[in-house]
Amino acid sequence: TTLTTGTKNGMWIAPADGTIESPANNGIAIVLDVSGTTTGINIDINKNGADIATTNLTTDATEPSSDTATTDFVLSSYTFVRGDKFLFDIDAVPTAATGAQLIIKVYYD
């Protein structure tokens, strides 16, 4: 489906205590089925209403993955506890982009 900007585009509630894998180890990534044009996608990740990163997760224009983004995703909060609510906001969408898949590697305590 075509992507749109907005808050609460997705949600995940932690089923147990754990840790998010470092973005440097590809612990968090976004992949698009169709990358679109004009800009990259920009994803804001919040835990219990607060940002968990100092820079948002992005792709570059015409790129299908955050793995090649020129702006590194910098995670500032790695841990979570059972019941923490993660909300995913889309702040920017490339023209004609479709099929966003957010990948988050977690380890449970």
Protein backbone atom coordinates (compact mmCIF):
# COMPACT_ATOMS: atom_id res chain seq x y z
CA THR A 1 0.00 0.00 0.00
CA THR A 2 1.00 3.62 -0.42
CA LEU A 3 2.64 5.10 2.66
CA THR A 4 1.41 8.25 4.39
CA THR A 5 2.83 10.48 7.08
CA GLY A 6 1.32 10.49 10.54
CA THR A 7 1.63 9.45 14.13
CA LYS A 8 1.04 5.93 15.42
CA ASN A 9 1.59 4.26 12.03
CA GLY A 10 2.59 1.17 13.96
CA MET A 11 2.85 -0.10 17.52
CA TRP A 12 4.66 -2.82 19.45
CA ILE A 13 4.31 -3.67 23.13
CA ALA A 14 7.28 -5.43 24.70
CA PRO A 15 6.28 -8.90 25.94
CA ALA A 16 9.31 -9.14 28.26
CA ASP A 17 12.35 -7.18 29.45
CA GLY A 18 15.09 -6.87 26.87
CA THR A 19 17.60 -4.95 24.80
CA ILE A 20 17.55 -3.61 21.24
CA GLU A 21 20.54 -4.60 19.10
CA SER A 22 22.83 -1.73 18.15
CA PRO A 23 22.02 0.02 14.85
CA ALA A 24 25.73 -0.38 14.00
CA ASN A 25 25.04 -4.13 13.93
CA ASN A 26 21.90 -3.65 11.80
CA GLY A 27 19.70 -3.94 14.87
CA ILE A 28 17.17 -1.49 13.45
CA ALA A 29 16.45 -0.95 9.77
CA ILE A 30 13.69 0.15 7.41
CA VAL A 31 13.19 -1.48 4.02
CA LEU A 32 10.80 -0.28 1.32
CA ASP A 33 9.26 -2.50 -1.37
CA VAL A 34 9.30 0.51 -3.73
CA SER A 35 11.69 3.29 -2.70
CA GLY A 36 9.90 6.14 -4.43
CA THR A 37 11.45 9.48 -5.36
CA THR A 38 12.06 13.02 -4.08
CA THR A 39 13.08 12.28 -0.47
CA GLY A 40 13.76 9.34 1.78
CA ILE A 41 11.41 7.98 4.41
CA ASN A 42 11.81 9.32 7.96
CA ILE A 43 10.67 7.18 10.90
CA ASP A 44 10.41 8.51 14.46
CA ILE A 45 10.48 5.74 17.10
CA ASN A 46 9.03 6.48 20.54
CA LYS A 47 9.03 4.38 23.71
CA ASN A 48 6.29 5.33 26.18
CA GLY A 49 5.97 8.72 24.46
CA ALA A 50 9.67 9.63 24.35
CA ASP A 51 12.08 9.44 21.40
CA ILE A 52 14.55 6.56 21.64
CA ALA A 53 16.98 8.08 19.13
CA THR A 54 18.92 11.29 18.67
CA THR A 55 18.45 11.00 14.89
CA ASN A 56 15.47 9.38 13.17
CA LEU A 57 15.63 6.25 11.04
CA THR A 58 15.82 7.31 7.38
CA THR A 59 16.49 6.23 3.84
CA ASP A 60 17.94 8.45 1.13
CA ALA A 61 15.90 9.45 -1.93
CA THR A 62 15.48 6.49 -4.33
CA GLU A 63 17.17 4.09 -1.86
CA PRO A 64 15.13 1.10 -0.61
CA SER A 65 16.93 0.62 2.72
CA SER A 66 18.25 2.54 5.71
CA ASP A 67 21.46 0.49 5.47
CA THR A 68 22.80 2.93 2.86
CA ALA A 69 21.46 6.17 4.41
CA THR A 70 23.90 9.07 4.57
CA THR A 71 22.52 10.06 8.00
CA ASP A 72 23.24 7.39 10.60
CA PHE A 73 20.45 6.33 12.92
CA VAL A 74 21.66 7.01 16.47
CA LEU A 75 19.88 5.08 19.19
CA SER A 76 19.95 6.59 22.69
CA SER A 77 17.78 4.07 24.55
CA TYR A 78 18.58 0.38 24.15
CA THR A 79 16.70 -1.27 27.00
CA PHE A 80 13.02 -1.88 27.56
CA VAL A 81 10.82 -3.61 30.11
CA ARG A 82 7.74 -5.73 29.75
CA GLY A 83 4.79 -3.54 28.81
CA ASP A 84 6.78 -0.69 27.24
CA LYS A 85 4.84 0.69 24.29
CA PHE A 86 6.73 1.55 21.10
CA LEU A 87 5.00 3.81 18.57
CA PHE A 88 6.27 4.40 15.05
CA ASP A 89 5.56 7.74 13.39
CA ILE A 90 6.26 8.44 9.73
CA ASP A 91 7.48 12.04 9.43
CA ALA A 92 8.34 12.02 5.70
CA VAL A 93 7.44 9.73 2.79
CA PRO A 94 9.04 9.55 -0.65
CA THR A 95 6.62 10.11 -3.54
CA ALA A 96 5.16 6.74 -4.65
CA ALA A 97 6.94 4.71 -1.93
CA THR A 98 5.17 1.52 -0.84
CA GLY A 99 5.57 -1.37 1.55
CA ALA A 100 7.62 -0.22 4.54
CA GLN A 101 9.03 -3.01 6.68
CA LEU A 102 10.57 -2.01 10.00
CA ILE A 103 13.09 -4.51 11.37
CA ILE A 104 14.10 -4.38 15.03
CA LYS A 105 16.34 -7.09 16.51
CA VAL A 106 15.76 -7.58 20.22
CA TYR A 107 17.21 -9.81 22.90
CA TYR A 108 15.07 -10.81 25.85
CA ASP A 109 16.53 -11.03 29.36
